[in-house]
C-alpha atoms as a PDB file:
ATOM      1  CA  MET A   1     -20.569  11.697  -3.185  1.00  0.00           C
ATOM      2  CA  THR A   2     -17.192  10.492  -5.227  1.00  0.00           C
ATOM      3  CA  ASP A   3     -17.654   7.800  -7.971  1.00  0.00           C
ATOM      4  CA  SER A   4     -15.884   5.504  -6.042  1.00  0.00           C
ATOM      5  CA  SER A   5     -18.100   5.661  -3.412  1.00  0.00           C
ATOM      6  CA  ALA A   6     -20.841   5.349  -5.608  1.00  0.00           C
ATOM      7  CA  GLN A   7     -19.432   1.773  -6.697  1.00  0.00           C
ATOM      8  CA  VAL A   8     -18.996   0.535  -3.062  1.00  0.00           C
ATOM      9  CA  ILE A   9     -22.452   1.469  -2.052  1.00  0.00           C
ATOM     10  CA  GLU A  10     -24.283  -0.343  -5.004  1.00  0.00           C
ATOM     11  CA  ALA A  11     -26.717  -2.632  -3.266  1.00  0.00           C
ATOM     12  CA  THR A  12     -25.417  -1.355  -0.120  1.00  0.00           C
ATOM     13  CA  GLY A  13     -27.489  -3.578   2.212  1.00  0.00           C
ATOM     14  CA  GLY A  14     -26.540  -2.822   5.582  1.00  0.00           C
ATOM     15  CA  ASP A  15     -28.693  -1.271   8.442  1.00  0.00           C
ATOM     16  CA  ALA A  16     -28.442   2.983   8.704  1.00  0.00           C
ATOM     17  CA  ALA A  17     -29.538   3.172  11.815  1.00  0.00           C
ATOM     18  CA  VAL A  18     -26.463   0.924  13.368  1.00  0.00           C
ATOM     19  CA  ALA A  19     -24.165   2.605  10.565  1.00  0.00           C
ATOM     20  CA  ARG A  20     -25.160   6.188  11.594  1.00  0.00           C
ATOM     21  CA  PRO A  21     -23.032   6.288  14.843  1.00  0.00           C
ATOM     22  CA  TYR A  22     -20.048   5.273  13.256  1.00  0.00           C
ATOM     23  CA  ALA A  23     -20.420   7.440  10.046  1.00  0.00           C
ATOM     24  CA  ARG A  24     -20.967  10.355  12.400  1.00  0.00           C
ATOM     25  CA  ALA A  25     -17.820   9.754  14.725  1.00  0.00           C
ATOM     26  CA  VAL A  26     -15.827   9.489  11.768  1.00  0.00           C
ATOM     27  CA  PHE A  27     -17.285  12.452   9.990  1.00  0.00           C
ATOM     28  CA  GLU A  28     -16.892  14.466  13.225  1.00  0.00           C
ATOM     29  CA  LEU A  29     -12.887  13.538  13.476  1.00  0.00           C
ATOM     30  CA  ALA A  30     -12.415  14.057  10.016  1.00  0.00           C
ATOM     31  CA  ARG A  31     -13.685  17.491  10.273  1.00  0.00           C
ATOM     32  CA  GLU A  32     -11.772  18.310  13.536  1.00  0.00           C
ATOM     33  CA  LYS A  33      -8.840  17.142  11.395  1.00  0.00           C
ATOM     34  CA  GLY A  34      -9.942  19.093   8.055  1.00  0.00           C
ATOM     35  CA  GLU A  35      -9.590  15.582   6.455  1.00  0.00           C
ATOM     36  CA  LEU A  36     -12.874  15.033   4.952  1.00  0.00           C
ATOM     37  CA  GLN A  37     -12.124  13.960   1.501  1.00  0.00           C
ATOM     38  CA  PRO A  38      -9.183  11.382   2.623  1.00  0.00           C
ATOM     39  CA  TRP A  39     -11.756  10.103   4.650  1.00  0.00           C
ATOM     40  CA  SER A  40     -13.763   9.254   2.363  1.00  0.00           C
ATOM     41  CA  GLU A  41     -11.376   7.946   0.356  1.00  0.00           C
ATOM     42  CA  ARG A  42     -10.318   5.377   3.259  1.00  0.00           C
ATOM     43  CA  LEU A  43     -13.952   4.574   4.009  1.00  0.00           C
ATOM     44  CA  ALA A  44     -14.444   3.488   0.043  1.00  0.00           C
ATOM     45  CA  LEU A  45     -11.756   1.510   0.208  1.00  0.00           C
ATOM     46  CA  MET A  46     -12.144  -0.069   3.220  1.00  0.00           C
ATOM     47  CA  ALA A  47     -15.671  -1.045   2.446  1.00  0.00           C
ATOM     48  CA  MET A  48     -14.530  -2.298  -1.121  1.00  0.00           C
ATOM     49  CA  VAL A  49     -12.100  -4.469   0.715  1.00  0.00           C
ATOM     50  CA  VAL A  50     -14.755  -5.675   3.084  1.00  0.00           C
ATOM     51  CA  ARG A  51     -16.922  -6.677   0.119  1.00  0.00           C
ATOM     52  CA  ASP A  52     -14.245  -8.452  -1.948  1.00  0.00           C
ATOM     53  CA  ALA A  53     -15.503 -11.956  -2.641  1.00  0.00           C
ATOM     54  CA  SER A  54     -12.552 -13.373  -1.743  1.00  0.00           C
ATOM     55  CA  VAL A  55     -12.122 -11.424   1.218  1.00  0.00           C
ATOM     56  CA  ARG A  56     -15.691 -12.134   2.336  1.00  0.00           C
ATOM     57  CA  LYS A  57     -15.219 -15.495   2.245  1.00  0.00           C
ATOM     58  CA  LEU A  58     -12.451 -15.342   4.883  1.00  0.00           C
ATOM     59  CA  LEU A  59     -14.430 -12.809   7.071  1.00  0.00           C
ATOM     60  CA  ASP A  60     -17.112 -15.302   6.595  1.00  0.00           C
ATOM     61  CA  ASP A  61     -14.891 -18.086   8.288  1.00  0.00           C
ATOM     62  CA  PRO A  62     -16.280 -19.036  11.914  1.00  0.00           C
ATOM     63  CA  ARG A  63     -12.696 -19.911  12.889  1.00  0.00           C
ATOM     64  CA  LEU A  64     -11.343 -15.980  12.113  1.00  0.00           C
ATOM     65  CA  THR A  65     -11.736 -14.407  15.271  1.00  0.00           C
ATOM     66  CA  ARG A  66     -12.848 -10.984  15.004  1.00  0.00           C
ATOM     67  CA  ALA A  67      -9.332  -9.016  16.000  1.00  0.00           C
ATOM     68  CA  ASP A  68      -7.914 -11.271  13.278  1.00  0.00           C
ATOM     69  CA  ALA A  69     -10.546 -10.063  11.092  1.00  0.00           C
ATOM     70  CA  ALA A  70      -9.512  -6.714  11.496  1.00  0.00           C
ATOM     71  CA  GLU A  71      -6.056  -7.418  11.076  1.00  0.00           C
ATOM     72  CA  LEU A  72      -7.010  -8.942   7.840  1.00  0.00           C
ATOM     73  CA  VAL A  73      -8.863  -6.245   6.116  1.00  0.00           C
ATOM     74  CA  ILE A  74      -6.279  -3.660   7.619  1.00  0.00           C
ATOM     75  CA  ARG A  75      -3.189  -5.502   5.518  1.00  0.00           C
ATOM     76  CA  ALA A  76      -5.350  -5.406   2.630  1.00  0.00           C
ATOM     77  CA  CYS A  77      -5.700  -1.853   2.801  1.00  0.00           C
ATOM     78  CA  GLY A  78      -2.042  -1.570   3.103  1.00  0.00           C
ATOM     79  CA  GLU A  79      -0.428   1.715   3.199  1.00  0.00           C
ATOM     80  CA  ASP A  80      -3.590   3.478   1.973  1.00  0.00           C
ATOM     81  CA  ILE A  81      -5.200   3.993   5.439  1.00  0.00           C
ATOM     82  CA  ASP A  82      -3.728   5.560   8.858  1.00  0.00           C
ATOM     83  CA  GLU A  83      -3.756   4.891  12.634  1.00  0.00           C
ATOM     84  CA  ALA A  84      -7.390   6.237  12.974  1.00  0.00           C
ATOM     85  CA  ALA A  85      -8.801   4.168  10.000  1.00  0.00           C
ATOM     86  CA  SER A  86      -7.490   0.920  11.630  1.00  0.00           C
ATOM     87  CA  ASN A  87      -8.462   1.824  14.765  1.00  0.00           C
ATOM     88  CA  LEU A  88     -12.026   2.105  13.156  1.00  0.00           C
ATOM     89  CA  LEU A  89     -11.589  -1.192  11.542  1.00  0.00           C
ATOM     90  CA  ARG A  90     -10.703  -2.714  15.080  1.00  0.00           C
ATOM     91  CA  VAL A  91     -13.706  -1.284  16.552  1.00  0.00           C
ATOM     92  CA  LEU A  92     -16.046  -2.322  13.743  1.00  0.00           C
ATOM     93  CA  ALA A  93     -14.555  -6.056  13.958  1.00  0.00           C
ATOM     94  CA  GLU A  94     -14.944  -5.852  17.694  1.00  0.00           C
ATOM     95  CA  ASN A  95     -18.855  -5.602  17.672  1.00  0.00           C
ATOM     96  CA  GLY A  96     -19.116  -7.353  14.644  1.00  0.00           C
ATOM     97  CA  ARG A  97     -19.881  -4.584  12.596  1.00  0.00           C
ATOM     98  CA  LEU A  98     -17.583  -4.924   9.439  1.00  0.00           C
ATOM     99  CA  GLU A  99     -20.167  -5.677   6.802  1.00  0.00           C
ATOM    100  CA  GLN A 100     -21.725  -2.122   7.796  1.00  0.00           C
ATOM    101  CA  LEU A 101     -18.966  -0.163   6.014  1.00  0.00           C
ATOM    102  CA  PRO A 102     -20.894   0.105   3.045  1.00  0.00           C
ATOM    103  CA  MET A 103     -23.896   1.814   4.639  1.00  0.00           C
ATOM    104  CA  ILE A 104     -21.448   3.800   7.018  1.00  0.00           C
ATOM    105  CA  VAL A 105     -19.481   5.099   3.453  1.00  0.00           C
ATOM    106  CA  MET A 106     -22.750   6.091   2.353  1.00  0.00           C
ATOM    107  CA  LEU A 107     -23.965   7.857   5.366  1.00  0.00           C
ATOM    108  CA  TYR A 108     -20.538   9.537   5.902  1.00  0.00           C
ATOM    109  CA  ASP A 109     -20.835  11.136   2.277  1.00  0.00           C
ATOM    110  CA  ARG A 110     -24.249  12.565   2.604  1.00  0.00           C
ATOM    111  CA  LEU A 111     -22.908  14.085   6.392  1.00  0.00           C
ATOM    112  CA  ARG A 112     -20.090  15.585   3.568  1.00  0.00           C
ATOM    113  CA  ASP A 113     -22.036  16.459   0.980  1.00  0.00           C
ATOM    114  CA  GLU A 114     -24.558  18.496   3.574  1.00  0.00           C
ATOM    115  CA  ALA A 115     -21.251  20.035   5.446  1.00  0.00           C
ATOM    116  CA  GLU A 116     -20.164  21.166   1.865  1.00  0.00           C
ATOM    117  CA  GLY A 117     -23.455  22.679   0.748  1.00  0.00           C
ATOM    118  CA  LEU A 118     -23.776  20.194  -2.062  1.00  0.00           C
ATOM    119  CA  VAL A 119     -26.753  17.883  -2.772  1.00  0.00           C
ATOM    120  CA  GLU A 120     -26.547  14.598  -4.321  1.00  0.00           C
ATOM    121  CA  VAL A 121     -29.343  14.544  -6.783  1.00  0.00           C
ATOM    122  CA  GLU A 122     -30.339  11.361  -8.922  1.00  0.00           C
ATOM    123  CA  VAL A 123     -31.645  11.713 -12.327  1.00  0.00           C
ATOM    124  CA  THR A 124     -33.077   8.797 -14.163  1.00  0.00           C
ATOM    125  CA  SER A 125     -33.777   9.341 -17.649  1.00  0.00           C
ATOM    126  CA  ALA A 126     -35.212   7.405 -20.735  1.00  0.00           C
ATOM    127  CA  GLN A 127     -32.069   8.336 -22.725  1.00  0.00           C
ATOM    128  CA  PRO A 128     -29.131   9.628 -21.967  1.00  0.00           C
ATOM    129  CA  LEU A 129     -28.890  13.459 -21.176  1.00  0.00           C
ATOM    130  CA  THR A 130     -26.712  15.906 -23.317  1.00  0.00           C
ATOM    131  CA  ASP A 131     -24.466  18.083 -21.351  1.00  0.00           C
ATOM    132  CA  THR A 132     -27.005  21.156 -22.045  1.00  0.00           C
ATOM    133  CA  GLN A 133     -29.239  19.290 -20.574  1.00  0.00           C
ATOM    134  CA  LYS A 134     -27.170  18.280 -17.494  1.00  0.00           C
ATOM    135  CA  ALA A 135     -26.348  21.935 -16.953  1.00  0.00           C
ATOM    136  CA  ALA A 136     -30.414  23.066 -17.245  1.00  0.00           C
ATOM    137  CA  ILE A 137     -31.197  20.703 -14.334  1.00  0.00           C
ATOM    138  CA  ALA A 138     -28.379  21.495 -12.249  1.00  0.00           C
ATOM    139  CA  GLY A 139     -29.024  24.856 -12.379  1.00  0.00           C
ATOM    140  CA  ALA A 140     -32.831  24.790 -11.999  1.00  0.00           C
ATOM    141  CA  LEU A 141     -32.125  22.239  -9.076  1.00  0.00           C
ATOM    142  CA  LYS A 142     -29.536  24.546  -7.341  1.00  0.00           C
ATOM    143  CA  LYS A 143     -31.791  27.764  -7.802  1.00  0.00           C
ATOM    144  CA  ARG A 144     -34.641  25.777  -6.109  1.00  0.00           C
ATOM    145  CA  LEU A 145     -32.769  24.059  -3.210  1.00  0.00           C
ATOM    146  CA  GLY A 146     -30.401  26.851  -2.469  1.00  0.00           C
ATOM    147  CA  ARG A 147     -27.473  24.069  -2.594  1.00  0.00           C
ATOM    148  CA  ASP A 148     -24.558  23.168  -5.409  1.00  0.00           C
ATOM    149  CA  VAL A 149     -25.890  20.154  -7.138  1.00  0.00           C
ATOM    150  CA  GLN A 150     -23.733  16.921  -7.969  1.00  0.00           C
ATOM    151  CA  LEU A 151     -26.085  14.896 -10.668  1.00  0.00           C
ATOM    152  CA  ASN A 152     -25.646  11.149 -10.973  1.00  0.00           C
ATOM    153  CA  CYS A 153     -27.662  10.371 -13.985  1.00  0.00           C
ATOM    154  CA  SER A 154     -28.644   7.076 -15.059  1.00  0.00           C
ATOM    155  CA  VAL A 155     -30.442   5.810 -17.980  1.00  0.00           C
ATOM    156  CA  ASN A 156     -33.945   3.543 -17.520  1.00  0.00           C
ATOM    157  CA  GLU A 157     -35.364   2.802 -21.269  1.00  0.00           C
ATOM    158  CA  ASP A 158     -38.557   1.994 -19.236  1.00  0.00           C
ATOM    159  CA  LEU A 159     -39.489   5.571 -18.270  1.00  0.00           C
ATOM    160  CA  VAL A 160     -40.402   5.556 -22.232  1.00  0.00           C
ATOM    161  CA  GLY A 161     -39.636   9.994 -22.368  1.00  0.00           C
ATOM    162  CA  GLY A 162     -38.672  12.400 -19.741  1.00  0.00           C
ATOM    163  CA  ALA A 163     -36.853  12.355 -16.088  1.00  0.00           C
ATOM    164  CA  VAL A 164     -36.948  11.342 -12.687  1.00  0.00           C
ATOM    165  CA  ILE A 165     -35.162  13.370 -10.129  1.00  0.00           C
ATOM    166  CA  ARG A 166     -34.239  12.440  -6.711  1.00  0.00           C
ATOM    167  CA  ALA A 167     -33.052  14.741  -4.134  1.00  0.00           C
ATOM    168  CA  GLY A 168     -33.555  13.619  -0.761  1.00  0.00           C
ATOM    169  CA  ASP A 169     -37.055  13.490   0.025  1.00  0.00           C
ATOM    170  CA  LEU A 170     -38.020  15.876  -3.046  1.00  0.00           C
ATOM    171  CA  VAL A 171     -39.148  13.570  -6.067  1.00  0.00           C
ATOM    172  CA  ILE A 172     -40.054  15.201  -9.645  1.00  0.00           C
ATOM    173  CA  ASP A 173     -41.554  12.623 -11.780  1.00  0.00           C
ATOM    174  CA  GLY A 174     -41.632  14.100 -15.796  1.00  0.00           C
ATOM    175  CA  SER A 175     -41.497  10.550 -17.096  1.00  0.00           C
ATOM    176  CA  ALA A 176     -43.831   9.882 -20.019  1.00  0.00           C
ATOM    177  CA  VAL A 177     -44.725   6.900 -17.895  1.00  0.00           C
ATOM    178  CA  GLU A 178     -46.249   9.065 -14.929  1.00  0.00           C
ATOM    179  CA  ARG A 179     -47.809  11.168 -17.087  1.00  0.00           C
ATOM    180  CA  LEU A 180     -49.578   8.726 -19.018  1.00  0.00           C
ATOM    181  CA  ARG A 181     -50.767   7.005 -15.961  1.00  0.00           C
ATOM    182  CA  GLN A 182     -52.322  10.415 -14.430  1.00  0.00           C
ATOM    183  CA  LEU A 183     -53.586  10.681 -17.879  1.00  0.00           C
ATOM    184  CA  SER A 184     -55.261   7.090 -17.390  1.00  0.00           C
ATOM    185  CA  SER A 185     -56.216   7.874 -13.802  1.00  0.00           C
ATOM    186  CA  ALA A 186     -58.045  11.174 -14.907  1.00  0.00           C
ATOM    187  CA  LEU A 187     -60.004   9.315 -17.671  1.00  0.00           C
ATOM    188  CA  VAL A 188     -61.060   6.882 -15.244  1.00  0.00           C
ATOM    189  CA  ARG A 189     -62.613   9.125 -13.027  1.00  0.00           C
END
């Protein structure tokens, strides 16, 4: 997932069950045309436009028709989207689904990462990781998962020490907080 995509989906909101068919359709089209990266960029831009506060205010106006909503977003995106992306916006608007764009971005990027053999890994540590630590984590996970790894690192000082690693359904909690919880639990028994 690109940095811009990650920014777009912060606090996504959206319904994965509703967004998934759109993400899948866009993914299939992008793969057929060999345009996986350009579509990531188009989707991120469209989602960013839809989430913009001033655009959101206009889109929430009940006097705005669905067709006008689509054209508003298309104009706001300008030359950075093609006719296929414009058509997607028209379909989403017609179905009252423009607000699903951030979730569509997230699901599309997951499909893209999977197709490219890449797994996105969230690493939350008590302190910023060094490049050496990041490389060690990425290497160990690549070996364990059998896929290339993209680390998204964040800091949460509440962890006290260590890190929590999330890769899909896999969660490795090596935080000091978790170790203390386990120790406390063992002592209570």
